[in-house]
Amino acid sequence: MHAPAQTVSDEDRRWIVIGALVSMMLAALDQTIVAPALPTIGASLGSPDWLSWVVSAYFLTATAVTPLYGKLADIKGRRPVMIAGVAIFLVGSVLCALAPSMGVLIVARALQGIGGGGLIALAQTIIGDIVPPYERARYMVYISGTWAIASIAGPVLGGVFAEHLHWSLIFWINLPIGAMALSITSPILKRLPPVHRPHKLDILGAVLMVVATVSLMLALTWGGTRYAWTSREILGLGAAAVILFAVFGFHVVRAEEALVPPRVLGNKVIAAAATSLFFTSAVYVGLAVYVPIFLEQVYDMPPSLSGTALVALLAGTVAGANIAGRFTPRVKHYKHIALGGSAVAIAAMTTFALGAPYLPFWAFEILLVIAGLGQGTQWPIGTVSVQNAADPHDLGTATAAMGFLRSLGSVIGIAVLGAIVLANGIVQGLEGAGHGPVAAAAGVERVKAAAAFVHVFGAAAIIQCFAFVSMALMKELPLRGRVAKEAVAATVE
């Protein structure tokens, strides 16, 4: 049974939310701190053409396990699953810091993803357990605050560590944060009423999804660089990806407890909102990974400054999320907030595509803020819409399914935008490079790099258009809690 929000006192609710947010901080920080250090990692460990996999490996395994976390949390309870996720994440962080080669680092990042994959969705589920939908948008502001800290601290620390100290510190820093998360989470989640529902874990579905996505990513990574796009290797990988995704879809329909349950995605509101977040995540994470490389290539920036410059995108995102979180309970047509934000993001990225080779740095930063502001409105609206449309006993599963599609979108976005970057030779020549601008180390001309990123930003704008259309097709449902509140007000009058 789903525990009603009123069984939790205000004091307990406050501390449960704090514990969930600190655990979320681990995953949030790790998504922002790595990007500015990628060129330095490639120079240190070699194999720069595998750089995108440092990010993709994390998102790939995180995608596979996110729905499993939702079901495990329903089977075993929120507390043990949260603790296990944090612990696995910290083990992966240690292995990342000690990695002697790019291959080992990628494997360690995959382990990190297994631990961190469910932390964000699980934290949102815990908040959903104790907060009714009408009030939930207000609590999304707290989630935005968590992302604000990670957004500001992550890129700055990642760039400073990579340029002035050592890139491994971006992983060592997880240990004290993880220790704090465990010290708060372990005792406080005992106060959360138990939630148990019989489930079976869809391991086969997870394996099919991972293998299909890896096949697709290899095709996008190797196509046009290691092999010709029309080669047997690339065509074979592409065909394997299509077949495996088809088998995965067939399995999802027939499985007793599918990785992404049809009864959840069969809900048109959940399907539309989650699909919109899929495309938004593809753009947002793809830009977060490749904008620092753009800044280092085109503006000749060292890693520390490129990481600081990325704060504009992330700060704009947090501001957009706060705006959406505060206004959602106050307006009837809350979907319009996300539609307006998505349109703003499309306009900003289209401007990037048209003017990337010519924009002065200050104009680029302003556009980053605008793009982030527009995209930031998507997360609260999408999350509240999914949780509001889900049956109470499916809250964990629906939230995890949404997280699954967000993570899958992130993986696809990194792969697609990375394929454009690799096809233009942007990261070639990094091996053996020391600190300093990537453009100088790689010998890539600024004009060539800028021209390549015109295609990157253009692709991002097109993908964001799909997010806009998906949100436009979503049916708005009255927020649960608002109806009851309005009924009480009418009775009093």
Protein backbone atom coordinates (compact mmCIF):
# COMPACT_ATOMS: atom_id res chain seq x y z
CA MET A 1 0.00 0.00 0.00
CA HIS A 2 1.11 3.54 -0.67
CA ALA A 3 1.73 5.41 2.54
CA PRO A 4 -0.43 8.50 2.83
CA ALA A 5 1.37 11.76 3.24
CA GLN A 6 -0.50 12.70 6.40
CA THR A 7 1.02 9.78 8.37
CA VAL A 8 4.36 11.62 8.38
CA SER A 9 4.86 14.58 10.71
CA ASP A 10 6.13 17.89 9.35
CA GLU A 11 9.44 17.47 11.19
CA ASP A 12 9.94 13.94 9.88
CA ARG A 13 8.98 15.08 6.39
CA ARG A 14 11.60 17.83 6.50
CA TRP A 15 14.40 15.46 7.48
CA ILE A 16 13.33 12.75 5.06
CA VAL A 17 13.48 15.30 2.24
CA ILE A 18 16.94 16.46 3.40
CA GLY A 19 18.21 12.87 3.44
CA ALA A 20 16.84 12.20 -0.04
CA LEU A 21 18.33 15.41 -1.44
CA VAL A 22 21.81 14.78 -0.03
CA SER A 23 21.79 11.36 -1.69
CA MET A 24 20.61 12.98 -4.91
CA MET A 25 23.51 15.42 -4.66
CA LEU A 26 25.94 12.60 -5.40
CA ALA A 27 24.38 11.80 -8.75
CA ALA A 28 23.75 15.46 -9.59
CA LEU A 29 27.35 16.50 -8.92
CA ASP A 30 28.74 13.61 -10.93
CA GLN A 31 26.79 14.70 -14.00
CA THR A 32 28.34 18.18 -14.00
CA ILE A 33 31.84 17.79 -12.61
CA VAL A 34 33.21 15.43 -15.28
CA ALA A 35 32.61 17.43 -18.48
CA PRO A 36 35.30 20.15 -18.06
CA ALA A 37 37.91 17.49 -17.23
CA LEU A 38 37.26 15.26 -20.26
CA PRO A 39 40.01 16.71 -22.51
CA THR A 40 42.54 16.46 -19.67
CA ILE A 41 41.49 12.88 -18.94
CA GLY A 42 41.94 12.04 -22.62
CA ALA A 43 45.40 13.60 -22.61
CA SER A 44 46.37 11.72 -19.43
CA LEU A 45 45.01 8.25 -20.20
CA GLY A 46 45.15 8.26 -24.02
CA SER A 47 42.45 6.94 -26.39
CA PRO A 48 40.73 10.34 -26.76
CA ASP A 49 38.23 8.96 -29.28
CA TRP A 50 36.66 7.05 -26.36
CA LEU A 51 36.11 10.20 -24.29
CA SER A 52 32.36 10.28 -24.80
CA TRP A 53 32.17 6.83 -23.22
CA VAL A 54 33.42 8.23 -19.91
CA VAL A 55 30.04 9.94 -19.68
CA SER A 56 28.02 7.44 -21.71
CA ALA A 57 29.07 4.39 -19.66
CA TYR A 58 27.64 6.01 -16.55
CA PHE A 59 24.35 6.92 -18.18
CA LEU A 60 24.09 3.54 -19.92
CA THR A 61 24.16 1.43 -16.77
CA ALA A 62 22.19 4.07 -14.87
CA THR A 63 19.49 3.79 -17.53
CA ALA A 64 19.32 0.01 -17.21
CA VAL A 65 19.04 -0.06 -13.42
CA THR A 66 16.72 2.92 -12.85
CA PRO A 67 13.48 0.92 -13.33
CA LEU A 68 14.98 -1.91 -11.26
CA TYR A 69 15.58 0.54 -8.42
CA GLY A 70 11.94 1.55 -8.53
CA LYS A 71 10.78 -2.05 -8.22
CA LEU A 72 13.38 -2.92 -5.59
CA ALA A 73 12.24 0.06 -3.55
CA ASP A 74 8.66 -1.26 -3.72
CA ILE A 75 9.81 -4.77 -2.74
CA LYS A 76 12.43 -4.08 -0.07
CA GLY A 77 11.55 -0.55 1.02
CA ARG A 78 13.15 2.81 0.25
CA ARG A 79 15.87 2.82 2.92
CA PRO A 80 17.90 -0.34 2.07
CA VAL A 81 17.79 0.39 -1.65
CA MET A 82 18.95 3.98 -1.13
CA ILE A 83 21.84 2.85 1.09
CA ALA A 84 22.89 0.16 -1.41
CA GLY A 85 22.87 2.68 -4.27
CA VAL A 86 25.08 5.14 -2.39
CA ALA A 87 27.51 2.39 -1.36
CA ILE A 88 27.92 1.02 -4.91
CA PHE A 89 28.35 4.55 -6.22
CA LEU A 90 31.20 5.20 -3.78
CA VAL A 91 32.99 1.97 -4.71
CA GLY A 92 32.77 2.96 -8.36
CA SER A 93 34.13 6.42 -7.51
CA VAL A 94 37.24 4.95 -5.87
CA LEU A 95 37.88 2.72 -8.90
CA CYS A 96 37.46 5.70 -11.23
CA ALA A 97 40.00 7.73 -9.26
CA LEU A 98 42.54 4.90 -9.40
CA ALA A 99 41.97 4.01 -13.08
CA PRO A 100 45.29 3.54 -14.95
CA SER A 101 43.75 3.53 -18.44
CA MET A 102 40.74 4.74 -20.38
CA GLY A 103 39.28 1.24 -20.53
CA VAL A 104 39.41 0.78 -16.76
CA LEU A 105 37.92 4.23 -16.23
CA ILE A 106 35.00 3.46 -18.53
CA VAL A 107 34.29 0.17 -16.71
CA ALA A 108 34.49 1.94 -13.35
CA ARG A 109 32.11 4.64 -14.59
CA ALA A 110 29.69 1.87 -15.57
CA LEU A 111 29.83 0.56 -11.99
CA GLN A 112 29.27 4.07 -10.72
CA GLY A 113 26.16 4.24 -12.88
CA ILE A 114 24.80 1.05 -11.32
CA GLY A 115 24.98 2.74 -7.93
CA GLY A 116 23.90 6.23 -8.92
CA GLY A 117 21.31 5.33 -11.53
CA GLY A 118 18.44 5.10 -9.12
CA LEU A 119 19.36 7.84 -6.67
CA ILE A 120 17.60 10.68 -8.46
CA ALA A 121 14.45 8.69 -9.24
CA LEU A 122 14.43 7.16 -5.75
CA ALA A 123 14.76 10.55 -4.09
CA GLN A 124 11.84 11.83 -6.17
CA THR A 125 9.84 8.73 -5.24
CA ILE A 126 10.50 9.28 -1.53
CA ILE A 127 9.32 12.88 -1.84
CA GLY A 128 6.30 11.60 -3.75
CA ASP A 129 5.56 9.23 -0.84
CA ILE A 130 5.17 12.02 1.68
CA VAL A 131 4.01 15.04 -0.40
CA PRO A 132 0.67 15.23 -2.28
CA PRO A 133 0.87 16.24 -5.99
CA TYR A 134 -0.57 19.71 -5.40
CA GLU A 135 2.31 20.57 -3.04
CA ARG A 136 4.93 18.59 -4.95
CA ALA A 137 5.85 21.37 -7.39
CA ARG A 138 6.88 23.46 -4.38
CA TYR A 139 9.17 20.67 -3.23
CA MET A 140 10.65 20.54 -6.74
CA VAL A 141 12.19 23.89 -5.83
CA TYR A 142 14.24 22.07 -3.20
CA ILE A 143 15.34 19.60 -5.86
CA SER A 144 16.27 22.57 -8.05
CA GLY A 145 18.30 23.96 -5.15
CA THR A 146 20.21 20.69 -4.98
CA TRP A 147 20.92 20.92 -8.69
CA ALA A 148 21.93 24.56 -8.20
CA ILE A 149 24.70 23.58 -5.79
CA ALA A 150 25.84 20.78 -8.10
CA SER A 151 25.52 23.00 -11.17
CA ILE A 152 27.69 25.76 -9.75
CA ALA A 153 30.21 23.66 -7.84
CA GLY A 154 30.56 20.81 -10.35
CA PRO A 155 31.94 22.55 -13.45
CA VAL A 156 34.15 24.88 -11.40
CA LEU A 157 35.65 22.08 -9.31
CA GLY A 158 36.02 19.81 -12.33
CA GLY A 159 37.94 22.44 -14.29
CA VAL A 160 40.13 23.52 -11.37
CA PHE A 161 40.96 19.93 -10.39
CA ALA A 162 41.84 19.01 -13.98
CA GLU A 163 44.00 22.06 -14.67
CA HIS A 164 45.71 22.78 -11.35
CA LEU A 165 45.60 19.56 -9.29
CA HIS A 166 44.63 16.16 -10.71
CA TRP A 167 41.55 14.95 -12.55
CA SER A 168 41.11 12.02 -10.13
CA LEU A 169 39.91 14.47 -7.47
CA ILE A 170 36.61 14.77 -9.33
CA PHE A 171 35.93 11.23 -8.10
CA TRP A 172 37.60 11.39 -4.67
CA ILE A 173 35.33 14.29 -3.72
CA ASN A 174 32.38 11.87 -3.78
CA LEU A 175 33.61 10.09 -0.65
CA PRO A 176 32.92 12.81 1.96
CA ILE A 177 29.61 13.67 0.29
CA GLY A 178 28.65 10.00 0.23
CA ALA A 179 29.57 9.58 3.89
CA MET A 180 27.32 12.52 4.76
CA ALA A 181 24.52 11.07 2.63
CA LEU A 182 24.71 7.72 4.42
CA SER A 183 24.87 9.30 7.88
CA ILE A 184 21.65 11.22 7.19
CA THR A 185 19.81 8.66 5.06
CA SER A 186 20.29 5.55 7.18
CA PRO A 187 18.56 6.73 10.38
CA ILE A 188 16.05 9.17 8.93
CA LEU A 189 14.45 6.84 6.38
CA LYS A 190 13.45 4.54 9.24
CA ARG A 191 10.72 7.10 9.91
CA LEU A 192 9.22 6.59 6.47
CA PRO A 193 6.20 4.23 6.66
CA PRO A 194 6.95 0.89 4.95
CA VAL A 195 5.85 0.51 1.34
CA HIS A 196 5.82 -3.03 0.00
CA ARG A 197 4.37 -4.44 -3.19
CA PRO A 198 5.24 -7.77 -4.86
CA HIS A 199 7.45 -7.33 -7.95
CA LYS A 200 9.71 -9.34 -10.20
CA LEU A 201 12.91 -7.86 -11.60
CA ASP A 202 13.19 -7.80 -15.39
CA ILE A 203 16.87 -8.66 -15.72
CA LEU A 204 16.44 -9.88 -19.31
CA GLY A 205 14.85 -6.58 -20.29
CA ALA A 206 17.73 -4.67 -18.73
CA VAL A 207 20.31 -6.77 -20.60
CA LEU A 208 18.49 -6.36 -23.93
CA MET A 209 18.30 -2.60 -23.46
CA VAL A 210 22.00 -2.30 -22.57
CA VAL A 211 23.22 -4.44 -25.49
CA ALA A 212 20.94 -2.62 -27.94
CA THR A 213 22.11 0.79 -26.74
CA VAL A 214 25.78 -0.24 -26.78
CA SER A 215 25.38 -1.42 -30.38
CA LEU A 216 23.85 1.90 -31.35
CA MET A 217 26.53 3.89 -29.54
CA LEU A 218 29.35 1.90 -31.14
CA ALA A 219 27.84 2.53 -34.57
CA LEU A 220 27.62 6.27 -33.87
CA THR A 221 31.08 6.42 -32.29
CA TRP A 222 32.92 4.45 -34.98
CA GLY A 223 30.94 5.60 -38.01
CA GLY A 224 32.93 8.02 -40.16
CA THR A 225 36.02 7.71 -37.96
CA ARG A 226 37.24 4.14 -37.45
CA TYR A 227 35.01 2.69 -40.18
CA ALA A 228 33.09 4.15 -43.11
CA TRP A 229 29.38 4.68 -42.53
CA THR A 230 28.63 2.14 -45.27
CA SER A 231 31.07 -0.48 -43.95
CA ARG A 232 29.92 -3.94 -42.87
CA GLU A 233 30.89 -3.17 -39.29
CA ILE A 234 28.74 -0.04 -38.97
CA LEU A 235 25.81 -1.45 -40.90
CA GLY A 236 26.00 -4.62 -38.81
CA LEU A 237 26.01 -2.67 -35.55
CA GLY A 238 23.10 -0.55 -36.76
CA ALA A 239 21.11 -3.61 -37.76
CA ALA A 240 21.88 -5.28 -34.43
CA ALA A 241 20.67 -2.19 -32.56
CA VAL A 242 17.39 -2.10 -34.51
CA ILE A 243 16.76 -5.82 -34.02
CA LEU A 244 17.62 -5.75 -30.32
CA PHE A 245 15.43 -2.72 -29.64
CA ALA A 246 12.60 -4.50 -31.48
CA VAL A 247 13.13 -7.61 -29.35
CA PHE A 248 13.21 -5.40 -26.27
CA GLY A 249 9.88 -3.83 -27.26
CA PHE A 250 8.37 -7.28 -27.89
CA HIS A 251 9.66 -8.47 -24.52
CA VAL A 252 8.26 -5.42 -22.70
CA VAL A 253 4.78 -6.15 -24.08
CA ARG A 254 4.85 -9.84 -23.10
CA ALA A 255 6.85 -9.85 -19.85
CA GLU A 256 4.96 -10.31 -16.59
CA GLU A 257 7.00 -7.56 -14.90
CA ALA A 258 8.63 -5.59 -17.72
CA LEU A 259 11.52 -3.16 -17.23
CA VAL A 260 9.18 -0.40 -18.40
CA PRO A 261 5.65 -1.67 -17.62
CA PRO A 262 3.13 -1.20 -20.49
CA ARG A 263 0.43 -0.33 -17.95
CA VAL A 264 2.53 2.71 -16.97
CA LEU A 265 3.60 3.91 -20.40
CA GLY A 266 0.13 2.97 -21.65
CA ASN A 267 -1.04 6.01 -19.70
CA LYS A 268 -1.02 8.72 -22.40
CA VAL A 269 -0.12 11.49 -19.96
CA ILE A 270 2.86 9.57 -18.58
CA ALA A 271 3.97 8.54 -22.07
CA ALA A 272 3.84 12.09 -23.45
CA ALA A 273 5.52 13.72 -20.43
CA ALA A 274 8.26 11.08 -20.22
CA THR A 275 8.90 11.27 -23.98
CA SER A 276 9.27 15.04 -23.73
CA LEU A 277 11.82 14.58 -20.94
CA PHE A 278 13.60 11.95 -23.08
CA PHE A 279 14.28 14.51 -25.82
CA THR A 280 15.03 17.34 -23.38
CA SER A 281 17.59 15.16 -21.57
CA ALA A 282 19.23 14.26 -24.88
CA VAL A 283 19.82 17.96 -25.58
CA TYR A 284 20.68 19.07 -22.06
CA VAL A 285 23.22 16.38 -21.20
CA GLY A 286 24.69 16.43 -24.70
CA LEU A 287 25.32 20.18 -24.42
CA ALA A 288 26.68 19.86 -20.88
CA VAL A 289 29.26 17.37 -22.18
CA TYR A 290 30.30 19.15 -25.38
CA VAL A 291 29.98 22.87 -24.58
CA PRO A 292 33.23 22.83 -22.53
CA ILE A 293 35.02 21.25 -25.51
CA PHE A 294 33.50 23.95 -27.74
CA LEU A 295 34.76 26.66 -25.41
CA GLU A 296 38.24 25.16 -25.24
CA GLN A 297 38.38 24.70 -29.02
CA VAL A 298 36.81 27.91 -30.26
CA TYR A 299 37.53 30.38 -27.44
CA ASP A 300 40.92 28.90 -26.55
CA MET A 301 39.98 28.43 -22.87
CA PRO A 302 41.79 26.29 -20.30
CA PRO A 303 39.69 23.59 -18.56
CA SER A 304 39.14 25.63 -15.40
CA LEU A 305 37.57 28.52 -17.31
CA SER A 306 35.52 26.31 -19.63
CA GLY A 307 34.03 24.65 -16.56
CA THR A 308 33.21 28.02 -15.03
CA ALA A 309 31.60 29.19 -18.27
CA LEU A 310 29.32 26.14 -18.25
CA VAL A 311 27.76 27.47 -15.04
CA ALA A 312 25.71 29.84 -17.23
CA LEU A 313 23.79 26.92 -18.74
CA LEU A 314 23.33 25.18 -15.42
CA ALA A 315 22.36 28.32 -13.49
CA GLY A 316 19.79 29.16 -16.15
CA THR A 317 18.39 25.65 -15.83
CA VAL A 318 18.00 25.98 -12.08
CA ALA A 319 16.30 29.37 -12.48
CA GLY A 320 13.88 27.89 -15.02
CA ALA A 321 13.09 24.97 -12.73
CA ASN A 322 12.42 27.35 -9.84
CA ILE A 323 10.08 29.46 -11.97
CA ALA A 324 8.14 26.38 -13.05
CA GLY A 325 8.07 24.97 -9.52
CA ARG A 326 6.69 28.16 -8.02
CA PHE A 327 4.06 28.88 -10.69
CA THR A 328 2.74 25.34 -11.32
CA PRO A 329 0.44 25.35 -8.25
CA ARG A 330 -0.86 28.82 -9.17
CA VAL A 331 -1.92 28.35 -12.78
CA LYS A 332 -4.56 26.10 -14.29
CA HIS A 333 -2.74 25.31 -17.54
CA TYR A 334 0.65 24.43 -16.05
CA LYS A 335 1.71 22.71 -19.29
CA HIS A 336 2.01 26.12 -20.96
CA ILE A 337 4.98 26.92 -18.70
CA ALA A 338 6.93 24.00 -20.16
CA LEU A 339 5.85 24.80 -23.72
CA GLY A 340 7.01 28.39 -23.41
CA GLY A 341 10.32 27.26 -21.92
CA SER A 342 10.88 24.72 -24.66
CA ALA A 343 10.23 27.37 -27.33
CA VAL A 344 12.78 29.66 -25.66
CA ALA A 345 15.36 26.85 -25.63
CA ILE A 346 14.76 26.10 -29.31
CA ALA A 347 15.28 29.77 -30.19
CA ALA A 348 18.53 29.95 -28.20
CA MET A 349 19.98 26.81 -29.78
CA THR A 350 18.95 27.92 -33.26
CA THR A 351 20.85 31.16 -32.62
CA PHE A 352 23.86 29.06 -31.55
CA ALA A 353 23.68 27.12 -34.80
CA LEU A 354 23.47 30.26 -36.92
CA GLY A 355 26.10 32.26 -35.08
CA ALA A 356 28.52 29.85 -33.38
CA PRO A 357 31.55 30.90 -35.44
CA TYR A 358 30.86 34.61 -34.91
CA LEU A 359 29.40 35.13 -31.43
CA PRO A 360 31.52 37.02 -28.89
CA PHE A 361 31.98 35.13 -25.64
CA TRP A 362 29.62 37.34 -23.63
CA ALA A 363 26.82 36.76 -26.15
CA PHE A 364 27.44 33.03 -26.06
CA GLU A 365 27.14 33.07 -22.25
CA ILE A 366 23.88 35.03 -22.35
CA LEU A 367 22.44 32.52 -24.82
CA LEU A 368 23.56 29.67 -22.55
CA VAL A 369 21.58 31.22 -19.70
CA ILE A 370 18.53 31.60 -21.94
CA ALA A 371 18.79 28.02 -23.22
CA GLY A 372 19.11 26.74 -19.65
CA LEU A 373 16.20 28.88 -18.49
CA GLY A 374 13.96 27.36 -21.14
CA GLN A 375 15.05 23.79 -20.53
CA GLY A 376 14.82 24.17 -16.76
CA THR A 377 11.04 24.53 -16.94
CA GLN A 378 10.73 21.01 -18.35
CA TRP A 379 11.81 18.99 -15.30
CA PRO A 380 9.25 20.07 -12.67
CA ILE A 381 6.34 20.05 -15.13
CA GLY A 382 7.28 16.65 -16.55
CA THR A 383 7.88 15.07 -13.14
CA VAL A 384 4.70 16.42 -11.55
CA SER A 385 2.66 15.40 -14.62
CA VAL A 386 3.95 11.82 -14.47
CA GLN A 387 3.44 11.42 -10.73
CA ASN A 388 0.04 13.08 -10.84
CA ALA A 389 -1.17 10.70 -13.58
CA ALA A 390 0.23 7.53 -11.96
CA ASP A 391 -1.82 5.33 -9.68
CA PRO A 392 -0.54 5.65 -6.09
CA HIS A 393 0.62 2.03 -5.98
CA ASP A 394 2.60 2.61 -9.20
CA LEU A 395 4.29 5.82 -8.05
CA GLY A 396 7.76 4.28 -7.66
CA THR A 397 7.50 2.35 -10.93
CA ALA A 398 6.19 5.36 -12.88
CA THR A 399 8.89 7.66 -11.50
CA ALA A 400 11.55 5.08 -12.30
CA ALA A 401 10.14 4.63 -15.84
CA MET A 402 10.39 8.39 -16.31
CA GLY A 403 13.97 8.26 -15.03
CA PHE A 404 14.66 5.39 -17.42
CA LEU A 405 13.59 7.44 -20.44
CA ARG A 406 15.48 10.49 -19.20
CA SER A 407 18.66 8.46 -18.82
CA LEU A 408 18.17 6.74 -22.17
CA GLY A 409 17.70 10.14 -23.76
CA SER A 410 20.94 11.31 -22.16
CA VAL A 411 22.82 8.33 -23.60
CA ILE A 412 21.36 8.83 -27.08
CA GLY A 413 22.03 12.57 -26.94
CA ILE A 414 25.67 12.08 -26.00
CA ALA A 415 26.07 9.48 -28.74
CA VAL A 416 24.38 11.52 -31.48
CA LEU A 417 26.09 14.82 -30.70
CA GLY A 418 29.36 12.96 -30.07
CA ALA A 419 29.12 11.33 -33.48
CA ILE A 420 28.91 14.81 -35.04
CA VAL A 421 31.94 15.96 -33.04
CA LEU A 422 33.99 12.85 -33.88
CA ALA A 423 33.03 12.93 -37.55
CA ASN A 424 34.61 16.39 -37.77
CA GLY A 425 37.82 15.26 -36.04
CA ILE A 426 37.39 17.59 -33.05
CA VAL A 427 38.92 15.33 -30.40
CA GLN A 428 41.64 13.85 -32.55
CA GLY A 429 45.18 14.59 -31.47
CA LEU A 430 44.46 14.93 -27.77
CA GLU A 431 46.70 12.05 -26.82
CA GLY A 432 49.86 13.29 -25.20
CA ALA A 433 48.52 16.77 -24.66
CA GLY A 434 49.19 18.43 -21.36
CA HIS A 435 47.28 21.17 -19.61
CA GLY A 436 46.13 24.16 -21.60
CA PRO A 437 43.71 24.77 -24.44
CA VAL A 438 42.62 21.72 -26.36
CA ALA A 439 42.85 23.59 -29.63
CA ALA A 440 46.54 24.20 -29.11
CA ALA A 441 47.19 20.58 -28.09
CA ALA A 442 45.16 19.04 -30.87
CA GLY A 443 46.14 21.43 -33.62
CA VAL A 444 42.54 21.83 -34.75
CA GLU A 445 41.81 25.15 -36.42
CA ARG A 446 39.26 27.35 -34.70
CA VAL A 447 37.21 27.79 -37.86
CA LYS A 448 36.92 24.04 -38.38
CA ALA A 449 35.87 23.49 -34.78
CA ALA A 450 33.28 26.28 -34.92
CA ALA A 451 31.86 24.90 -38.18
CA ALA A 452 31.54 21.45 -36.63
CA PHE A 453 29.65 22.80 -33.64
CA VAL A 454 27.21 24.58 -35.92
CA HIS A 455 25.96 21.08 -36.74
CA VAL A 456 25.98 20.09 -33.05
CA PHE A 457 23.81 23.05 -32.04
CA GLY A 458 21.54 22.58 -35.06
CA ALA A 459 20.94 18.95 -34.12
CA ALA A 460 20.22 20.03 -30.52
CA ALA A 461 17.60 22.52 -31.73
CA ILE A 462 15.87 19.85 -33.82
CA ILE A 463 15.80 17.37 -30.92
CA GLN A 464 14.33 20.05 -28.65
CA CYS A 465 11.53 20.53 -31.20
CA PHE A 466 10.52 16.90 -30.60
CA ALA A 467 10.38 17.66 -26.87
CA PHE A 468 8.07 20.60 -27.58
CA VAL A 469 5.72 18.50 -29.70
CA SER A 470 5.57 15.71 -27.11
CA MET A 471 4.65 18.16 -24.35
CA ALA A 472 2.07 19.85 -26.58
CA LEU A 473 0.36 16.47 -27.08
CA MET A 474 0.18 15.79 -23.34
CA LYS A 475 -3.28 16.05 -21.78
CA GLU A 476 -3.40 18.20 -18.66
CA LEU A 477 -4.98 16.56 -15.63
CA PRO A 478 -6.07 18.54 -12.55
CA LEU A 479 -3.37 18.22 -9.91
CA ARG A 480 -4.44 15.91 -7.09
CA GLY A 481 -4.74 17.94 -3.92
CA ARG A 482 -5.80 21.08 -5.80
CA VAL A 483 -9.28 19.64 -6.38
CA ALA A 484 -9.69 18.84 -2.68
CA LYS A 485 -8.41 22.25 -1.66
CA GLU A 486 -10.80 24.06 -4.03
CA ALA A 487 -13.70 21.92 -2.79
CA VAL A 488 -12.96 22.87 0.81
CA ALA A 489 -12.75 26.54 -0.15
CA ALA A 490 -16.10 26.33 -1.96
CA THR A 491 -17.69 24.70 1.10
CA VAL A 492 -16.42 27.44 3.38
CA GLU A 493 -17.81 30.09 1.08
